[in-house]
Amino acid sequence: MKGKIINYRRGRKTEYTNQYVVEIEGVKNREDAENYLGKKVVWTTSSGKRIIGKITRVHGKKGAVIARFSKGLPGQAIGSSINVEE
């Protein structure tokens, strides 16, 4: 299943650079997004390296989720696509 990285998880003064807000295709509300908790997400670099993260929580009421990576992704990952594995 495909998704899109929207931005870092952030507050007014802080940025969590290893946590990202992700929109998953076909997910429109909070109840649907809760089914993806604990699933793995994979971002692939242009050279083919796979960076794996995990969906940890729901973000908001429109179906976005928070994905957490161990080290974080490079800045060019924002706006790119991501794969959600079952």
PDB file of N, CA and C in Angstrom:
ATOM      1  N   MET A   1       0.842  -1.165   0.000  1.00  0.00           N
ATOM      2  CA  MET A   1       0.000   0.000   0.000  1.00  0.00           C
ATOM      3  C   MET A   1       0.894   1.237   0.000  1.00  0.00           C
ATOM      4  N   LYS A   2       0.489   2.253  -0.708  1.00  0.00           N
ATOM      5  CA  LYS A   2       1.274   3.473  -0.857  1.00  0.00           C
ATOM      6  C   LYS A   2       0.855   4.526   0.166  1.00  0.00           C
ATOM      7  N   GLY A   3       1.774   5.414   0.449  1.00  0.00           N
ATOM      8  CA  GLY A   3       1.516   6.545   1.309  1.00  0.00           C
ATOM      9  C   GLY A   3       2.390   7.703   0.877  1.00  0.00           C
ATOM     10  N   LYS A   4       2.219   8.840   1.531  1.00  0.00           N
ATOM     11  CA  LYS A   4       2.999  10.030   1.201  1.00  0.00           C
ATOM     12  C   LYS A   4       3.447  10.702   2.492  1.00  0.00           C
ATOM     13  N   ILE A   5       4.733  11.067   2.538  1.00  0.00           N
ATOM     14  CA  ILE A   5       5.266  11.767   3.701  1.00  0.00           C
ATOM     15  C   ILE A   5       4.887  13.240   3.584  1.00  0.00           C
ATOM     16  N   ILE A   6       4.200  13.751   4.594  1.00  0.00           N
ATOM     17  CA  ILE A   6       3.715  15.128   4.568  1.00  0.00           C
ATOM     18  C   ILE A   6       4.722  16.089   5.194  1.00  0.00           C
ATOM     19  N   ASN A   7       5.160  15.785   6.417  1.00  0.00           N
ATOM     20  CA  ASN A   7       6.077  16.673   7.123  1.00  0.00           C
ATOM     21  C   ASN A   7       6.617  15.961   8.353  1.00  0.00           C
ATOM     22  N   TYR A   8       7.531  16.632   9.069  1.00  0.00           N
ATOM     23  CA  TYR A   8       7.953  16.141  10.370  1.00  0.00           C
ATOM     24  C   TYR A   8       6.791  16.266  11.348  1.00  0.00           C
ATOM     25  N   ARG A   9       6.834  15.481  12.417  1.00  0.00           N
ATOM     26  CA  ARG A   9       5.942  15.757  13.534  1.00  0.00           C
ATOM     27  C   ARG A   9       6.567  16.929  14.260  1.00  0.00           C
ATOM     28  N   ARG A  10       5.790  17.986  14.479  1.00  0.00           N
ATOM     29  CA  ARG A  10       6.373  19.188  15.055  1.00  0.00           C
ATOM     30  C   ARG A  10       5.367  19.933  15.908  1.00  0.00           C
ATOM     31  N   GLY A  11       5.912  20.759  16.755  1.00  0.00           N
ATOM     32  CA  GLY A  11       5.140  21.685  17.557  1.00  0.00           C
ATOM     33  C   GLY A  11       5.503  23.087  17.140  1.00  0.00           C
ATOM     34  N   ARG A  12       5.139  24.020  17.957  1.00  0.00           N
ATOM     35  CA  ARG A  12       5.425  25.409  17.623  1.00  0.00           C
ATOM     36  C   ARG A  12       6.921  25.724  17.648  1.00  0.00           C
ATOM     37  N   LYS A  13       7.637  25.123  18.591  1.00  0.00           N
ATOM     38  CA  LYS A  13       9.055  25.421  18.724  1.00  0.00           C
ATOM     39  C   LYS A  13       9.959  24.215  18.560  1.00  0.00           C
ATOM     40  N   THR A  14       9.402  23.029  18.427  1.00  0.00           N
ATOM     41  CA  THR A  14      10.229  21.824  18.328  1.00  0.00           C
ATOM     42  C   THR A  14       9.882  21.024  17.088  1.00  0.00           C
ATOM     43  N   GLU A  15      10.880  20.314  16.583  1.00  0.00           N
ATOM     44  CA  GLU A  15      10.715  19.448  15.422  1.00  0.00           C
ATOM     45  C   GLU A  15      11.265  18.079  15.791  1.00  0.00           C
ATOM     46  N   TYR A  16      10.472  17.026  15.568  1.00  0.00           N
ATOM     47  CA  TYR A  16      10.921  15.675  15.851  1.00  0.00           C
ATOM     48  C   TYR A  16      11.365  15.074  14.514  1.00  0.00           C
ATOM     49  N   THR A  17      12.662  15.094  14.272  1.00  0.00           N
ATOM     50  CA  THR A  17      13.173  14.762  12.943  1.00  0.00           C
ATOM     51  C   THR A  17      13.215  13.268  12.655  1.00  0.00           C
ATOM     52  N   ASN A  18      12.855  12.424  13.621  1.00  0.00           N
ATOM     53  CA  ASN A  18      12.760  11.000  13.325  1.00  0.00           C
ATOM     54  C   ASN A  18      11.309  10.528  13.281  1.00  0.00           C
ATOM     55  N   GLN A  19      10.358  11.457  13.371  1.00  0.00           N
ATOM     56  CA  GLN A  19       8.933  11.125  13.302  1.00  0.00           C
ATOM     57  C   GLN A  19       8.285  11.944  12.193  1.00  0.00           C
ATOM     58  N   TYR A  20       7.487  11.264  11.359  1.00  0.00           N
ATOM     59  CA  TYR A  20       6.912  11.898  10.177  1.00  0.00           C
ATOM     60  C   TYR A  20       5.404  11.694  10.134  1.00  0.00           C
ATOM     61  N   VAL A  21       4.701  12.696   9.640  1.00  0.00           N
ATOM     62  CA  VAL A  21       3.275  12.573   9.391  1.00  0.00           C
ATOM     63  C   VAL A  21       3.115  11.965   8.006  1.00  0.00           C
ATOM     64  N   VAL A  22       2.357  10.866   7.926  1.00  0.00           N
ATOM     65  CA  VAL A  22       2.189  10.130   6.676  1.00  0.00           C
ATOM     66  C   VAL A  22       0.700  10.007   6.367  1.00  0.00           C
ATOM     67  N   GLU A  23       0.327  10.301   5.111  1.00  0.00           N
ATOM     68  CA  GLU A  23      -1.035  10.051   4.635  1.00  0.00           C
ATOM     69  C   GLU A  23      -1.014   8.759   3.827  1.00  0.00           C
ATOM     70  N   ILE A  24      -1.902   7.826   4.169  1.00  0.00           N
ATOM     71  CA  ILE A  24      -1.992   6.546   3.468  1.00  0.00           C
ATOM     72  C   ILE A  24      -3.152   6.624   2.490  1.00  0.00           C
ATOM     73  N   GLU A  25      -2.936   6.123   1.269  1.00  0.00           N
ATOM     74  CA  GLU A  25      -3.985   6.156   0.251  1.00  0.00           C
ATOM     75  C   GLU A  25      -5.187   5.324   0.697  1.00  0.00           C
ATOM     76  N   GLY A  26      -6.374   5.888   0.522  1.00  0.00           N
ATOM     77  CA  GLY A  26      -7.604   5.186   0.845  1.00  0.00           C
ATOM     78  C   GLY A  26      -8.043   5.300   2.285  1.00  0.00           C
ATOM     79  N   VAL A  27      -7.269   5.945   3.130  1.00  0.00           N
ATOM     80  CA  VAL A  27      -7.619   6.109   4.545  1.00  0.00           C
ATOM     81  C   VAL A  27      -8.178   7.508   4.714  1.00  0.00           C
ATOM     82  N   LYS A  28      -9.430   7.600   5.152  1.00  0.00           N
ATOM     83  CA  LYS A  28     -10.105   8.896   5.220  1.00  0.00           C
ATOM     84  C   LYS A  28     -10.486   9.333   6.628  1.00  0.00           C
ATOM     85  N   ASN A  29     -10.420   8.414   7.615  1.00  0.00           N
ATOM     86  CA  ASN A  29     -10.805   8.813   8.966  1.00  0.00           C
ATOM     87  C   ASN A  29      -9.946   8.103  10.001  1.00  0.00           C
ATOM     88  N   ARG A  30     -10.103   8.491  11.237  1.00  0.00           N
ATOM     89  CA  ARG A  30      -9.286   7.992  12.339  1.00  0.00           C
ATOM     90  C   ARG A  30      -9.474   6.489  12.557  1.00  0.00           C
ATOM     91  N   GLU A  31     -10.689   6.002  12.418  1.00  0.00           N
ATOM     92  CA  GLU A  31     -10.969   4.585  12.657  1.00  0.00           C
ATOM     93  C   GLU A  31     -10.238   3.699  11.639  1.00  0.00           C
ATOM     94  N   ASP A  32     -10.191   4.122  10.383  1.00  0.00           N
ATOM     95  CA  ASP A  32      -9.451   3.354   9.376  1.00  0.00           C
ATOM     96  C   ASP A  32      -7.950   3.393   9.641  1.00  0.00           C
ATOM     97  N   ALA A  33      -7.454   4.528  10.108  1.00  0.00           N
ATOM     98  CA  ALA A  33      -6.020   4.672  10.360  1.00  0.00           C
ATOM     99  C   ALA A  33      -5.560   3.813  11.531  1.00  0.00           C
ATOM    100  N   GLU A  34      -6.434   3.555  12.494  1.00  0.00           N
ATOM    101  CA  GLU A  34      -6.059   2.735  13.647  1.00  0.00           C
ATOM    102  C   GLU A  34      -5.741   1.300  13.250  1.00  0.00           C
ATOM    103  N   ASN A  35      -6.208   0.848  12.096  1.00  0.00           N
ATOM    104  CA  ASN A  35      -5.913  -0.508  11.627  1.00  0.00           C
ATOM    105  C   ASN A  35      -4.456  -0.655  11.200  1.00  0.00           C
ATOM    106  N   TYR A  36      -3.749   0.439  10.985  1.00  0.00           N
ATOM    107  CA  TYR A  36      -2.372   0.396  10.507  1.00  0.00           C
ATOM    108  C   TYR A  36      -1.340   0.536  11.623  1.00  0.00           C
ATOM    109  N   LEU A  37      -1.767   0.668  12.859  1.00  0.00           N
ATOM    110  CA  LEU A  37      -0.831   0.811  13.967  1.00  0.00           C
ATOM    111  C   LEU A  37       0.040  -0.436  14.080  1.00  0.00           C
ATOM    112  N   GLY A  38       1.343  -0.234  14.213  1.00  0.00           N
ATOM    113  CA  GLY A  38       2.281  -1.337  14.324  1.00  0.00           C
ATOM    114  C   GLY A  38       2.816  -1.849  13.003  1.00  0.00           C
ATOM    115  N   LYS A  39       2.279  -1.395  11.880  1.00  0.00           N
ATOM    116  CA  LYS A  39       2.750  -1.838  10.566  1.00  0.00           C
ATOM    117  C   LYS A  39       4.080  -1.176  10.230  1.00  0.00           C
ATOM    118  N   LYS A  40       4.848  -1.822   9.374  1.00  0.00           N
ATOM    119  CA  LYS A  40       6.130  -1.273   8.946  1.00  0.00           C
ATOM    120  C   LYS A  40       5.948  -0.385   7.729  1.00  0.00           C
ATOM    121  N   VAL A  41       6.749   0.659   7.661  1.00  0.00           N
ATOM    122  CA  VAL A  41       6.791   1.536   6.496  1.00  0.00           C
ATOM    123  C   VAL A  41       8.211   1.531   5.953  1.00  0.00           C
ATOM    124  N   VAL A  42       8.333   1.595   4.633  1.00  0.00           N
ATOM    125  CA  VAL A  42       9.641   1.524   3.993  1.00  0.00           C
ATOM    126  C   VAL A  42       9.790   2.701   3.040  1.00  0.00           C
ATOM    127  N   TRP A  43      10.871   3.465   3.228  1.00  0.00           N
ATOM    128  CA  TRP A  43      11.229   4.530   2.292  1.00  0.00           C
ATOM    129  C   TRP A  43      12.471   4.072   1.570  1.00  0.00           C
ATOM    130  N   THR A  44      12.452   4.147   0.235  1.00  0.00           N
ATOM    131  CA  THR A  44      13.565   3.681  -0.582  1.00  0.00           C
ATOM    132  C   THR A  44      14.319   4.872  -1.150  1.00  0.00           C
ATOM    133  N   THR A  45      15.647   4.875  -0.984  1.00  0.00           N
ATOM    134  CA  THR A  45      16.473   5.952  -1.504  1.00  0.00           C
ATOM    135  C   THR A  45      16.624   5.794  -3.009  1.00  0.00           C
ATOM    136  N   SER A  46      17.195   6.786  -3.637  1.00  0.00           N
ATOM    137  CA  SER A  46      17.396   6.711  -5.083  1.00  0.00           C
ATOM    138  C   SER A  46      18.418   5.642  -5.452  1.00  0.00           C
ATOM    139  N   SER A  47      19.308   5.290  -4.529  1.00  0.00           N
ATOM    140  CA  SER A  47      20.291   4.240  -4.794  1.00  0.00           C
ATOM    141  C   SER A  47      19.754   2.849  -4.477  1.00  0.00           C
ATOM    142  N   GLY A  48      18.537   2.770  -3.921  1.00  0.00           N
ATOM    143  CA  GLY A  48      17.914   1.485  -3.651  1.00  0.00           C
ATOM    144  C   GLY A  48      17.993   1.029  -2.208  1.00  0.00           C
ATOM    145  N   LYS A  49      18.613   1.811  -1.334  1.00  0.00           N
ATOM    146  CA  LYS A  49      18.676   1.454   0.080  1.00  0.00           C
ATOM    147  C   LYS A  49      17.306   1.626   0.715  1.00  0.00           C
ATOM    148  N   ARG A  50      16.914   0.648   1.548  1.00  0.00           N
ATOM    149  CA  ARG A  50      15.604   0.679   2.199  1.00  0.00           C
ATOM    150  C   ARG A  50      15.765   1.112   3.651  1.00  0.00           C
ATOM    151  N   ILE A  51      15.008   2.120   4.046  1.00  0.00           N
ATOM    152  CA  ILE A  51      14.999   2.578   5.435  1.00  0.00           C
ATOM    153  C   ILE A  51      13.631   2.235   6.005  1.00  0.00           C
ATOM    154  N   ILE A  52      13.627   1.477   7.099  1.00  0.00           N
ATOM    155  CA  ILE A  52      12.396   0.917   7.641  1.00  0.00           C
ATOM    156  C   ILE A  52      12.005   1.659   8.920  1.00  0.00           C
ATOM    157  N   GLY A  53      10.706   1.948   9.032  1.00  0.00           N
ATOM    158  CA  GLY A  53      10.155   2.569  10.220  1.00  0.00           C
ATOM    159  C   GLY A  53       8.895   1.850  10.638  1.00  0.00           C
ATOM    160  N   LYS A  54       8.200   2.415  11.619  1.00  0.00           N
ATOM    161  CA  LYS A  54       7.009   1.775  12.176  1.00  0.00           C
ATOM    162  C   LYS A  54       5.943   2.829  12.437  1.00  0.00           C
ATOM    163  N   ILE A  55       4.691   2.494  12.168  1.00  0.00           N
ATOM    164  CA  ILE A  55       3.570   3.398  12.455  1.00  0.00           C
ATOM    165  C   ILE A  55       3.254   3.278  13.938  1.00  0.00           C
ATOM    166  N   THR A  56       3.311   4.401  14.646  1.00  0.00           N
ATOM    167  CA  THR A  56       3.163   4.363  16.097  1.00  0.00           C
ATOM    168  C   THR A  56       1.842   4.920  16.603  1.00  0.00           C
ATOM    169  N   ARG A  57       1.256   5.896  15.907  1.00  0.00           N
ATOM    170  CA  ARG A  57       0.015   6.492  16.399  1.00  0.00           C
ATOM    171  C   ARG A  57      -0.731   7.188  15.274  1.00  0.00           C
ATOM    172  N   VAL A  58      -1.959   7.565  15.566  1.00  0.00           N
ATOM    173  CA  VAL A  58      -2.794   8.287  14.611  1.00  0.00           C
ATOM    174  C   VAL A  58      -2.586   9.774  14.833  1.00  0.00           C
ATOM    175  N   HIS A  59      -2.618  10.544  13.749  1.00  0.00           N
ATOM    176  CA  HIS A  59      -2.416  11.986  13.822  1.00  0.00           C
ATOM    177  C   HIS A  59      -3.658  12.679  13.282  1.00  0.00           C
ATOM    178  N   GLY A  60      -4.441  13.277  14.159  1.00  0.00           N
ATOM    179  CA  GLY A  60      -5.625  14.014  13.727  1.00  0.00           C
ATOM    180  C   GLY A  60      -6.806  13.113  13.455  1.00  0.00           C
ATOM    181  N   LYS A  61      -7.809  13.665  12.775  1.00  0.00           N
ATOM    182  CA  LYS A  61      -9.055  12.944  12.530  1.00  0.00           C
ATOM    183  C   LYS A  61      -9.292  12.607  11.071  1.00  0.00           C
ATOM    184  N   LYS A  62      -8.351  12.949  10.190  1.00  0.00           N
ATOM    185  CA  LYS A  62      -8.540  12.714   8.762  1.00  0.00           C
ATOM    186  C   LYS A  62      -7.743  11.534   8.236  1.00  0.00           C
ATOM    187  N   GLY A  63      -7.215  10.699   9.127  1.00  0.00           N
ATOM    188  CA  GLY A  63      -6.575   9.469   8.694  1.00  0.00           C
ATOM    189  C   GLY A  63      -5.071   9.509   8.546  1.00  0.00           C
ATOM    190  N   ALA A  64      -4.425  10.579   8.964  1.00  0.00           N
ATOM    191  CA  ALA A  64      -2.959  10.626   8.909  1.00  0.00           C
ATOM    192  C   ALA A  64      -2.402   9.841  10.093  1.00  0.00           C
ATOM    193  N   VAL A  65      -1.184   9.325   9.940  1.00  0.00           N
ATOM    194  CA  VAL A  65      -0.524   8.570  10.999  1.00  0.00           C
ATOM    195  C   VAL A  65       0.881   9.121  11.220  1.00  0.00           C
ATOM    196  N   ILE A  66       1.455   8.773  12.355  1.00  0.00           N
ATOM    197  CA  ILE A  66       2.839   9.127  12.668  1.00  0.00           C
ATOM    198  C   ILE A  66       3.692   7.884  12.462  1.00  0.00           C
ATOM    199  N   ALA A  67       4.737   8.019  11.643  1.00  0.00           N
ATOM    200  CA  ALA A  67       5.690   6.929  11.427  1.00  0.00           C
ATOM    201  C   ALA A  67       7.008   7.327  12.076  1.00  0.00           C
ATOM    202  N   ARG A  68       7.589   6.387  12.814  1.00  0.00           N
ATOM    203  CA  ARG A  68       8.822   6.664  13.537  1.00  0.00           C
ATOM    204  C   ARG A  68       9.956   5.834  12.948  1.00  0.00           C
ATOM    205  N   PHE A  69      11.072   6.491  12.677  1.00  0.00           N
ATOM    206  CA  PHE A  69      12.271   5.845  12.156  1.00  0.00           C
ATOM    207  C   PHE A  69      13.361   5.939  13.218  1.00  0.00           C
ATOM    208  N   SER A  70      14.312   5.001  13.209  1.00  0.00           N
ATOM    209  CA  SER A  70      15.324   4.994  14.265  1.00  0.00           C
ATOM    210  C   SER A  70      16.236   6.209  14.181  1.00  0.00           C
ATOM    211  N   LYS A  71      16.703   6.567  13.002  1.00  0.00           N
ATOM    212  CA  LYS A  71      17.606   7.713  12.866  1.00  0.00           C
ATOM    213  C   LYS A  71      16.950   8.905  12.206  1.00  0.00           C
ATOM    214  N   GLY A  72      15.956   8.688  11.406  1.00  0.00           N
ATOM    215  CA  GLY A  72      15.352   9.768  10.647  1.00  0.00           C
ATOM    216  C   GLY A  72      15.702   9.637   9.176  1.00  0.00           C
ATOM    217  N   LEU A  73      15.025  10.407   8.365  1.00  0.00           N
ATOM    218  CA  LEU A  73      15.209  10.376   6.924  1.00  0.00           C
ATOM    219  C   LEU A  73      15.841  11.689   6.475  1.00  0.00           C
ATOM    220  N   PRO A  74      16.443  11.720   5.288  1.00  0.00           N
ATOM    221  CA  PRO A  74      16.957  12.990   4.776  1.00  0.00           C
ATOM    222  C   PRO A  74      15.818  13.940   4.414  1.00  0.00           C
ATOM    223  N   GLY A  75      16.125  15.204   4.285  1.00  0.00           N
ATOM    224  CA  GLY A  75      15.110  16.213   4.020  1.00  0.00           C
ATOM    225  C   GLY A  75      14.374  16.019   2.717  1.00  0.00           C
ATOM    226  N   GLN A  76      15.029  15.417   1.714  1.00  0.00           N
ATOM    227  CA  GLN A  76      14.355  15.225   0.433  1.00  0.00           C
ATOM    228  C   GLN A  76      13.269  14.163   0.499  1.00  0.00           C
ATOM    229  N   ALA A  77      13.136  13.463   1.629  1.00  0.00           N
ATOM    230  CA  ALA A  77      12.082  12.461   1.785  1.00  0.00           C
ATOM    231  C   ALA A  77      10.705  13.113   1.938  1.00  0.00           C
ATOM    232  N   ILE A  78      10.660  14.342   2.417  1.00  0.00           N
ATOM    233  CA  ILE A  78       9.376  15.018   2.616  1.00  0.00           C
ATOM    234  C   ILE A  78       8.731  15.257   1.259  1.00  0.00           C
ATOM    235  N   GLY A  79       7.494  14.814   1.118  1.00  0.00           N
ATOM    236  CA  GLY A  79       6.768  14.944  -0.133  1.00  0.00           C
ATOM    237  C   GLY A  79       6.892  13.725  -1.022  1.00  0.00           C
ATOM    238  N   SER A  80       7.732  12.774  -0.656  1.00  0.00           N
ATOM    239  CA  SER A  80       7.921  11.591  -1.499  1.00  0.00           C
ATOM    240  C   SER A  80       6.988  10.467  -1.048  1.00  0.00           C
ATOM    241  N   SER A  81       6.977   9.386  -1.822  1.00  0.00           N
ATOM    242  CA  SER A  81       6.090   8.275  -1.501  1.00  0.00           C
ATOM    243  C   SER A  81       6.789   7.277  -0.588  1.00  0.00           C
ATOM    244  N   ILE A  82       5.965   6.477   0.068  1.00  0.00           N
ATOM    245  CA  ILE A  82       6.433   5.502   1.032  1.00  0.00           C
ATOM    246  C   ILE A  82       5.569   4.265   0.886  1.00  0.00           C
ATOM    247  N   ASN A  83       6.110   3.085   1.185  1.00  0.00           N
ATOM    248  CA  ASN A  83       5.346   1.848   1.119  1.00  0.00           C
ATOM    249  C   ASN A  83       4.984   1.387   2.514  1.00  0.00           C
ATOM    250  N   VAL A  84       3.710   1.003   2.688  1.00  0.00           N
ATOM    251  CA  VAL A  84       3.237   0.457   3.956  1.00  0.00           C
ATOM    252  C   VAL A  84       3.106  -1.044   3.748  1.00  0.00           C
ATOM    253  N   GLU A  85       3.832  -1.832   4.542  1.00  0.00           N
ATOM    254  CA  GLU A  85       3.801  -3.278   4.403  1.00  0.00           C
ATOM    255  C   GLU A  85       2.787  -3.867   5.360  1.00  0.00           C
ATOM    256  N   GLU A  86       2.115  -4.896   4.907  1.00  0.00           N
ATOM    257  CA  GLU A  86       1.083  -5.565   5.721  1.00  0.00           C
ATOM    258  C   GLU A  86       1.688  -6.465   6.762  1.00  0.00           C
TER     259      GLU A  86
END
